[in-house]
Amino acid sequence: MTSGVANAATLVRFRGTAVDTHYLAKPGGGSFAVEIDNQQKKISDTSAASRICKKVTISGLSGSGLEVAKKRPTSYGTGFSIKID
């Protein structure tokens, strides 16, 4: 997801006990939230002194059924990308 649009989001349905989100942190980055089944689990800052790949892991999920992961920008820098893995 690359977005500067208010309320943009990416939804992923999955089965499992964890989900990873890879992103590029860089100067002028913003931030994004990761929600699982409509509950915010983490807000990640995508600002960094230089370009570097980072990962956020949300773990401890039940794994008993279909989960919905939602990634959405919470603040806008000069644009940022989120790769869902």
PDB file of N, CA and C in Angstrom:
ATOM      1  N   MET A   1       0.848  -1.165   0.000  1.00  0.00           N
ATOM      2  CA  MET A   1       0.000   0.000   0.000  1.00  0.00           C
ATOM      3  C   MET A   1       0.892   1.225   0.000  1.00  0.00           C
ATOM      4  N   THR A   2       0.671   2.130  -0.889  1.00  0.00           N
ATOM      5  CA  THR A   2       1.312   3.434  -0.872  1.00  0.00           C
ATOM      6  C   THR A   2       0.187   4.442  -0.928  1.00  0.00           C
ATOM      7  N   SER A   3       0.127   5.327   0.058  1.00  0.00           N
ATOM      8  CA  SER A   3      -1.021   6.208   0.067  1.00  0.00           C
ATOM      9  C   SER A   3      -0.763   7.510   0.788  1.00  0.00           C
ATOM     10  N   GLY A   4      -1.360   8.557   0.296  1.00  0.00           N
ATOM     11  CA  GLY A   4      -1.446   9.834   0.966  1.00  0.00           C
ATOM     12  C   GLY A   4      -2.909  10.231   1.069  1.00  0.00           C
ATOM     13  N   VAL A   5      -3.787   9.250   0.886  1.00  0.00           N
ATOM     14  CA  VAL A   5      -5.229   9.474   0.880  1.00  0.00           C
ATOM     15  C   VAL A   5      -5.808   9.156   2.251  1.00  0.00           C
ATOM     16  N   ALA A   6      -6.581  10.075   2.791  1.00  0.00           N
ATOM     17  CA  ALA A   6      -7.215   9.857   4.093  1.00  0.00           C
ATOM     18  C   ALA A   6      -8.081   8.603   4.064  1.00  0.00           C
ATOM     19  N   ASN A   7      -8.018   7.821   5.127  1.00  0.00           N
ATOM     20  CA  ASN A   7      -8.821   6.610   5.319  1.00  0.00           C
ATOM     21  C   ASN A   7      -8.461   5.462   4.378  1.00  0.00           C
ATOM     22  N   ALA A   8      -7.318   5.538   3.690  1.00  0.00           N
ATOM     23  CA  ALA A   8      -6.881   4.411   2.868  1.00  0.00           C
ATOM     24  C   ALA A   8      -6.540   3.247   3.789  1.00  0.00           C
ATOM     25  N   ALA A   9      -6.758   2.027   3.343  1.00  0.00           N
ATOM     26  CA  ALA A   9      -6.444   0.860   4.163  1.00  0.00           C
ATOM     27  C   ALA A   9      -6.245  -0.346   3.273  1.00  0.00           C
ATOM     28  N   THR A  10      -5.531  -1.321   3.807  1.00  0.00           N
ATOM     29  CA  THR A  10      -5.355  -2.607   3.161  1.00  0.00           C
ATOM     30  C   THR A  10      -5.890  -3.669   4.107  1.00  0.00           C
ATOM     31  N   LEU A  11      -6.745  -4.541   3.604  1.00  0.00           N
ATOM     32  CA  LEU A  11      -7.301  -5.635   4.400  1.00  0.00           C
ATOM     33  C   LEU A  11      -6.767  -6.955   3.881  1.00  0.00           C
ATOM     34  N   VAL A  12      -6.386  -7.837   4.801  1.00  0.00           N
ATOM     35  CA  VAL A  12      -5.915  -9.170   4.449  1.00  0.00           C
ATOM     36  C   VAL A  12      -6.604 -10.172   5.363  1.00  0.00           C
ATOM     37  N   ARG A  13      -7.202 -11.184   4.776  1.00  0.00           N
ATOM     38  CA  ARG A  13      -7.807 -12.261   5.563  1.00  0.00           C
ATOM     39  C   ARG A  13      -6.817 -13.417   5.584  1.00  0.00           C
ATOM     40  N   PHE A  14      -6.604 -14.006   6.761  1.00  0.00           N
ATOM     41  CA  PHE A  14      -5.617 -15.070   6.879  1.00  0.00           C
ATOM     42  C   PHE A  14      -5.957 -15.986   8.041  1.00  0.00           C
ATOM     43  N   ARG A  15      -5.342 -17.148   8.048  1.00  0.00           N
ATOM     44  CA  ARG A  15      -5.415 -18.081   9.173  1.00  0.00           C
ATOM     45  C   ARG A  15      -3.999 -18.200   9.723  1.00  0.00           C
ATOM     46  N   GLY A  16      -3.873 -18.122  11.022  1.00  0.00           N
ATOM     47  CA  GLY A  16      -2.560 -18.267  11.621  1.00  0.00           C
ATOM     48  C   GLY A  16      -2.503 -17.615  12.987  1.00  0.00           C
ATOM     49  N   THR A  17      -1.357 -17.751  13.619  1.00  0.00           N
ATOM     50  CA  THR A  17      -1.174 -17.202  14.965  1.00  0.00           C
ATOM     51  C   THR A  17      -0.355 -15.919  14.963  1.00  0.00           C
ATOM     52  N   ALA A  18       0.101 -15.477  13.764  1.00  0.00           N
ATOM     53  CA  ALA A  18       0.891 -14.246  13.670  1.00  0.00           C
ATOM     54  C   ALA A  18       0.792 -13.678  12.263  1.00  0.00           C
ATOM     55  N   VAL A  19       1.079 -12.392  12.145  1.00  0.00           N
ATOM     56  CA  VAL A  19       1.135 -11.738  10.839  1.00  0.00           C
ATOM     57  C   VAL A  19       2.291 -10.736  10.865  1.00  0.00           C
ATOM     58  N   ASP A  20       3.060 -10.701   9.776  1.00  0.00           N
ATOM     59  CA  ASP A  20       4.180  -9.772   9.636  1.00  0.00           C
ATOM     60  C   ASP A  20       3.828  -8.671   8.650  1.00  0.00           C
ATOM     61  N   THR A  21       4.289  -7.465   8.922  1.00  0.00           N
ATOM     62  CA  THR A  21       4.163  -6.345   7.997  1.00  0.00           C
ATOM     63  C   THR A  21       5.554  -5.778   7.791  1.00  0.00           C
ATOM     64  N   HIS A  22       6.025  -5.785   6.557  1.00  0.00           N
ATOM     65  CA  HIS A  22       7.328  -5.231   6.199  1.00  0.00           C
ATOM     66  C   HIS A  22       7.116  -3.839   5.633  1.00  0.00           C
ATOM     67  N   TYR A  23       8.003  -2.918   5.999  1.00  0.00           N
ATOM     68  CA  TYR A  23       7.865  -1.560   5.478  1.00  0.00           C
ATOM     69  C   TYR A  23       9.228  -0.902   5.364  1.00  0.00           C
ATOM     70  N   LEU A  24       9.272   0.164   4.593  1.00  0.00           N
ATOM     71  CA  LEU A  24      10.490   0.936   4.402  1.00  0.00           C
ATOM     72  C   LEU A  24      10.426   2.167   5.288  1.00  0.00           C
ATOM     73  N   ALA A  25      11.315   2.238   6.272  1.00  0.00           N
ATOM     74  CA  ALA A  25      11.438   3.440   7.099  1.00  0.00           C
ATOM     75  C   ALA A  25      12.418   4.375   6.390  1.00  0.00           C
ATOM     76  N   LYS A  26      12.142   5.675   6.440  1.00  0.00           N
ATOM     77  CA  LYS A  26      13.001   6.636   5.733  1.00  0.00           C
ATOM     78  C   LYS A  26      12.778   8.032   6.293  1.00  0.00           C
ATOM     79  N   PRO A  27      13.678   8.960   5.951  1.00  0.00           N
ATOM     80  CA  PRO A  27      13.465  10.343   6.378  1.00  0.00           C
ATOM     81  C   PRO A  27      12.123  10.859   5.842  1.00  0.00           C
ATOM     82  N   GLY A  28      11.388  11.540   6.672  1.00  0.00           N
ATOM     83  CA  GLY A  28      10.104  12.089   6.253  1.00  0.00           C
ATOM     84  C   GLY A  28       8.976  11.077   6.258  1.00  0.00           C
ATOM     85  N   GLY A  29       9.187   9.918   6.890  1.00  0.00           N
ATOM     86  CA  GLY A  29       8.149   8.888   6.940  1.00  0.00           C
ATOM     87  C   GLY A  29       6.971   9.319   7.801  1.00  0.00           C
ATOM     88  N   GLY A  30       5.925   8.553   7.759  1.00  0.00           N
ATOM     89  CA  GLY A  30       4.730   8.808   8.562  1.00  0.00           C
ATOM     90  C   GLY A  30       4.559   7.709   9.588  1.00  0.00           C
ATOM     91  N   SER A  31       3.350   7.232   9.749  1.00  0.00           N
ATOM     92  CA  SER A  31       3.094   6.108  10.647  1.00  0.00           C
ATOM     93  C   SER A  31       1.874   5.345  10.150  1.00  0.00           C
ATOM     94  N   PHE A  32       1.761   4.093  10.594  1.00  0.00           N
ATOM     95  CA  PHE A  32       0.601   3.299  10.231  1.00  0.00           C
ATOM     96  C   PHE A  32       0.194   2.426  11.408  1.00  0.00           C
ATOM     97  N   ALA A  33      -1.075   2.062  11.422  1.00  0.00           N
ATOM     98  CA  ALA A  33      -1.624   1.194  12.464  1.00  0.00           C
ATOM     99  C   ALA A  33      -1.892  -0.178  11.877  1.00  0.00           C
ATOM    100  N   VAL A  34      -1.710  -1.198  12.710  1.00  0.00           N
ATOM    101  CA  VAL A  34      -2.098  -2.559  12.358  1.00  0.00           C
ATOM    102  C   VAL A  34      -3.230  -2.952  13.293  1.00  0.00           C
ATOM    103  N   GLU A  35      -4.341  -3.346  12.704  1.00  0.00           N
ATOM    104  CA  GLU A  35      -5.499  -3.801  13.471  1.00  0.00           C
ATOM    105  C   GLU A  35      -5.769  -5.260  13.133  1.00  0.00           C
ATOM    106  N   ILE A  36      -6.158  -6.027  14.120  1.00  0.00           N
ATOM    107  CA  ILE A  36      -6.578  -7.403  13.914  1.00  0.00           C
ATOM    108  C   ILE A  36      -8.020  -7.498  14.399  1.00  0.00           C
ATOM    109  N   ASP A  37      -8.897  -7.903  13.505  1.00  0.00           N
ATOM    110  CA  ASP A  37     -10.326  -8.023  13.822  1.00  0.00           C
ATOM    111  C   ASP A  37     -10.856  -6.768  14.507  1.00  0.00           C
ATOM    112  N   ASN A  38     -10.537  -5.603  13.923  1.00  0.00           N
ATOM    113  CA  ASN A  38     -11.000  -4.289  14.379  1.00  0.00           C
ATOM    114  C   ASN A  38     -10.444  -3.846  15.727  1.00  0.00           C
ATOM    115  N   GLN A  39      -9.384  -4.476  16.205  1.00  0.00           N
ATOM    116  CA  GLN A  39      -8.720  -4.043  17.436  1.00  0.00           C
ATOM    117  C   GLN A  39      -7.311  -3.592  17.086  1.00  0.00           C
ATOM    118  N   GLN A  40      -7.013  -2.324  17.385  1.00  0.00           N
ATOM    119  CA  GLN A  40      -5.681  -1.800  17.094  1.00  0.00           C
ATOM    120  C   GLN A  40      -4.643  -2.527  17.942  1.00  0.00           C
ATOM    121  N   LYS A  41      -3.620  -3.065  17.287  1.00  0.00           N
ATOM    122  CA  LYS A  41      -2.574  -3.812  17.978  1.00  0.00           C
ATOM    123  C   LYS A  41      -1.253  -3.057  18.050  1.00  0.00           C
ATOM    124  N   LYS A  42      -0.977  -2.209  17.050  1.00  0.00           N
ATOM    125  CA  LYS A  42       0.327  -1.549  16.994  1.00  0.00           C
ATOM    126  C   LYS A  42       0.258  -0.346  16.082  1.00  0.00           C
ATOM    127  N   ILE A  43       0.953   0.733  16.473  1.00  0.00           N
ATOM    128  CA  ILE A  43       1.205   1.863  15.587  1.00  0.00           C
ATOM    129  C   ILE A  43       2.706   1.910  15.364  1.00  0.00           C
ATOM    130  N   SER A  44       3.116   1.918  14.103  1.00  0.00           N
ATOM    131  CA  SER A  44       4.533   1.929  13.751  1.00  0.00           C
ATOM    132  C   SER A  44       4.919   3.229  13.081  1.00  0.00           C
ATOM    133  N   ASP A  45       6.027   3.779  13.507  1.00  0.00           N
ATOM    134  CA  ASP A  45       6.587   5.004  12.947  1.00  0.00           C
ATOM    135  C   ASP A  45       7.480   4.628  11.780  1.00  0.00           C
ATOM    136  N   THR A  46       7.269   5.230  10.620  1.00  0.00           N
ATOM    137  CA  THR A  46       8.086   4.910   9.453  1.00  0.00           C
ATOM    138  C   THR A  46       9.186   5.937   9.212  1.00  0.00           C
ATOM    139  N   SER A  47       9.486   6.763  10.206  1.00  0.00           N
ATOM    140  CA  SER A  47      10.584   7.727  10.094  1.00  0.00           C
ATOM    141  C   SER A  47      11.890   7.069  10.510  1.00  0.00           C
ATOM    142  N   ALA A  48      12.972   7.407   9.804  1.00  0.00           N
ATOM    143  CA  ALA A  48      14.310   6.926  10.146  1.00  0.00           C
ATOM    144  C   ALA A  48      15.328   7.905   9.572  1.00  0.00           C
ATOM    145  N   ALA A  49      16.529   7.884  10.121  1.00  0.00           N
ATOM    146  CA  ALA A  49      17.590   8.776   9.644  1.00  0.00           C
ATOM    147  C   ALA A  49      18.000   8.441   8.206  1.00  0.00           C
ATOM    148  N   SER A  50      17.910   7.165   7.837  1.00  0.00           N
ATOM    149  CA  SER A  50      18.206   6.737   6.475  1.00  0.00           C
ATOM    150  C   SER A  50      17.237   5.608   6.109  1.00  0.00           C
ATOM    151  N   ARG A  51      17.205   5.249   4.843  1.00  0.00           N
ATOM    152  CA  ARG A  51      16.282   4.212   4.382  1.00  0.00           C
ATOM    153  C   ARG A  51      16.691   2.857   4.957  1.00  0.00           C
ATOM    154  N   ILE A  52      15.740   2.169   5.587  1.00  0.00           N
ATOM    155  CA  ILE A  52      15.995   0.857   6.161  1.00  0.00           C
ATOM    156  C   ILE A  52      14.704   0.048   6.172  1.00  0.00           C
ATOM    157  N   CYS A  53      14.805  -1.227   5.824  1.00  0.00           N
ATOM    158  CA  CYS A  53      13.643  -2.111   5.870  1.00  0.00           C
ATOM    159  C   CYS A  53      13.404  -2.556   7.302  1.00  0.00           C
ATOM    160  N   LYS A  54      12.156  -2.526   7.722  1.00  0.00           N
ATOM    161  CA  LYS A  54      11.772  -2.946   9.063  1.00  0.00           C
ATOM    162  C   LYS A  54      10.571  -3.872   8.990  1.00  0.00           C
ATOM    163  N   LYS A  55      10.289  -4.517  10.113  1.00  0.00           N
ATOM    164  CA  LYS A  55       9.176  -5.460  10.170  1.00  0.00           C
ATOM    165  C   LYS A  55       8.453  -5.311  11.505  1.00  0.00           C
ATOM    166  N   VAL A  56       7.138  -5.380  11.446  1.00  0.00           N
ATOM    167  CA  VAL A  56       6.294  -5.427  12.639  1.00  0.00           C
ATOM    168  C   VAL A  56       5.632  -6.797  12.647  1.00  0.00           C
ATOM    169  N   THR A  57       5.702  -7.496  13.779  1.00  0.00           N
ATOM    170  CA  THR A  57       5.044  -8.790  13.919  1.00  0.00           C
ATOM    171  C   THR A  57       3.964  -8.682  14.985  1.00  0.00           C
ATOM    172  N   ILE A  58       2.772  -9.105  14.631  1.00  0.00           N
ATOM    173  CA  ILE A  58       1.682  -9.225  15.594  1.00  0.00           C
ATOM    174  C   ILE A  58       1.520 -10.725  15.822  1.00  0.00           C
ATOM    175  N   SER A  59       1.764 -11.170  17.054  1.00  0.00           N
ATOM    176  CA  SER A  59       1.694 -12.598  17.348  1.00  0.00           C
ATOM    177  C   SER A  59       0.739 -12.842  18.507  1.00  0.00           C
ATOM    178  N   GLY A  60       0.592 -14.099  18.880  1.00  0.00           N
ATOM    179  CA  GLY A  60      -0.290 -14.455  19.981  1.00  0.00           C
ATOM    180  C   GLY A  60      -1.748 -14.533  19.587  1.00  0.00           C
ATOM    181  N   LEU A  61      -2.008 -14.661  18.279  1.00  0.00           N
ATOM    182  CA  LEU A  61      -3.386 -14.785  17.808  1.00  0.00           C
ATOM    183  C   LEU A  61      -3.855 -16.222  18.008  1.00  0.00           C
ATOM    184  N   SER A  62      -5.133 -16.420  18.110  1.00  0.00           N
ATOM    185  CA  SER A  62      -5.670 -17.746  18.440  1.00  0.00           C
ATOM    186  C   SER A  62      -5.393 -18.795  17.365  1.00  0.00           C
ATOM    187  N   GLY A  63      -5.431 -18.395  16.100  1.00  0.00           N
ATOM    188  CA  GLY A  63      -5.222 -19.348  15.023  1.00  0.00           C
ATOM    189  C   GLY A  63      -6.401 -20.276  14.799  1.00  0.00           C
ATOM    190  N   SER A  64      -7.491 -20.044  15.499  1.00  0.00           N
ATOM    191  CA  SER A  64      -8.634 -20.952  15.419  1.00  0.00           C
ATOM    192  C   SER A  64      -9.593 -20.637  14.281  1.00  0.00           C
ATOM    193  N   GLY A  65      -9.436 -19.497  13.651  1.00  0.00           N
ATOM    194  CA  GLY A  65     -10.360 -19.146  12.585  1.00  0.00           C
ATOM    195  C   GLY A  65      -9.749 -18.119  11.659  1.00  0.00           C
ATOM    196  N   LEU A  66     -10.566 -17.565  10.810  1.00  0.00           N
ATOM    197  CA  LEU A  66     -10.141 -16.571   9.845  1.00  0.00           C
ATOM    198  C   LEU A  66      -9.960 -15.230  10.556  1.00  0.00           C
ATOM    199  N   GLU A  67      -8.786 -14.644  10.416  1.00  0.00           N
ATOM    200  CA  GLU A  67      -8.486 -13.336  11.009  1.00  0.00           C
ATOM    201  C   GLU A  67      -8.520 -12.286   9.901  1.00  0.00           C
ATOM    202  N   VAL A  68      -8.742 -11.029  10.264  1.00  0.00           N
ATOM    203  CA  VAL A  68      -8.678  -9.923   9.315  1.00  0.00           C
ATOM    204  C   VAL A  68      -7.655  -8.929   9.829  1.00  0.00           C
ATOM    205  N   ALA A  69      -6.593  -8.724   9.050  1.00  0.00           N
ATOM    206  CA  ALA A  69      -5.576  -7.725   9.379  1.00  0.00           C
ATOM    207  C   ALA A  69      -5.853  -6.491   8.539  1.00  0.00           C
ATOM    208  N   LYS A  70      -5.843  -5.326   9.183  1.00  0.00           N
ATOM    209  CA  LYS A  70      -6.065  -4.054   8.490  1.00  0.00           C
ATOM    210  C   LYS A  70      -4.865  -3.170   8.770  1.00  0.00           C
ATOM    211  N   LYS A  71      -4.282  -2.625   7.708  1.00  0.00           N
ATOM    212  CA  LYS A  71      -3.187  -1.664   7.831  1.00  0.00           C
ATOM    213  C   LYS A  71      -3.681  -0.342   7.282  1.00  0.00           C
ATOM    214  N   ARG A  72      -3.503   0.725   8.075  1.00  0.00           N
ATOM    215  CA  ARG A  72      -3.965   2.037   7.617  1.00  0.00           C
ATOM    216  C   ARG A  72      -2.996   3.118   8.096  1.00  0.00           C
ATOM    217  N   PRO A  73      -2.764   4.122   7.250  1.00  0.00           N
ATOM    218  CA  PRO A  73      -1.904   5.238   7.670  1.00  0.00           C
ATOM    219  C   PRO A  73      -2.542   5.995   8.840  1.00  0.00           C
ATOM    220  N   THR A  74      -1.708   6.440   9.780  1.00  0.00           N
ATOM    221  CA  THR A  74      -2.193   7.268  10.885  1.00  0.00           C
ATOM    222  C   THR A  74      -1.614   8.668  10.821  1.00  0.00           C
ATOM    223  N   SER A  75      -0.488   8.828  10.129  1.00  0.00           N
ATOM    224  CA  SER A  75       0.054  10.154   9.847  1.00  0.00           C
ATOM    225  C   SER A  75       0.798  10.067   8.527  1.00  0.00           C
ATOM    226  N   TYR A  76       0.870  11.176   7.832  1.00  0.00           N
ATOM    227  CA  TYR A  76       1.438  11.179   6.495  1.00  0.00           C
ATOM    228  C   TYR A  76       2.734  11.948   6.483  1.00  0.00           C
ATOM    229  N   GLY A  77       3.784  11.286   5.996  1.00  0.00           N
ATOM    230  CA  GLY A  77       5.053  11.948   5.769  1.00  0.00           C
ATOM    231  C   GLY A  77       5.115  12.283   4.291  1.00  0.00           C
ATOM    232  N   THR A  78       6.227  11.940   3.680  1.00  0.00           N
ATOM    233  CA  THR A  78       6.394  12.187   2.244  1.00  0.00           C
ATOM    234  C   THR A  78       5.970  10.984   1.425  1.00  0.00           C
ATOM    235  N   GLY A  79       5.152  10.120   1.981  1.00  0.00           N
ATOM    236  CA  GLY A  79       4.675   8.916   1.318  1.00  0.00           C
ATOM    237  C   GLY A  79       5.406   7.711   1.884  1.00  0.00           C
ATOM    238  N   PHE A  80       4.737   6.596   1.994  1.00  0.00           N
ATOM    239  CA  PHE A  80       5.380   5.388   2.489  1.00  0.00           C
ATOM    240  C   PHE A  80       4.699   4.170   1.921  1.00  0.00           C
ATOM    241  N   SER A  81       5.419   3.060   1.931  1.00  0.00           N
ATOM    242  CA  SER A  81       4.895   1.809   1.375  1.00  0.00           C
ATOM    243  C   SER A  81       4.820   0.754   2.464  1.00  0.00           C
ATOM    244  N   ILE A  82       3.815  -0.077   2.377  1.00  0.00           N
ATOM    245  CA  ILE A  82       3.657  -1.202   3.291  1.00  0.00           C
ATOM    246  C   ILE A  82       3.552  -2.455   2.446  1.00  0.00           C
ATOM    247  N   LYS A  83       4.424  -3.414   2.700  1.00  0.00           N
ATOM    248  CA  LYS A  83       4.362  -4.700   2.010  1.00  0.00           C
ATOM    249  C   LYS A  83       3.795  -5.707   2.997  1.00  0.00           C
ATOM    250  N   ILE A  84       2.743  -6.341   2.619  1.00  0.00           N
ATOM    251  CA  ILE A  84       2.130  -7.329   3.505  1.00  0.00           C
ATOM    252  C   ILE A  84       2.714  -8.692   3.181  1.00  0.00           C
ATOM    253  N   ASP A  85       3.244  -9.346   4.201  1.00  0.00           N
ATOM    254  CA  ASP A  85       3.918 -10.625   4.044  1.00  0.00           C
ATOM    255  C   ASP A  85       3.178 -11.699   4.809  1.00  0.00           C
TER     256      ASP A  85
END
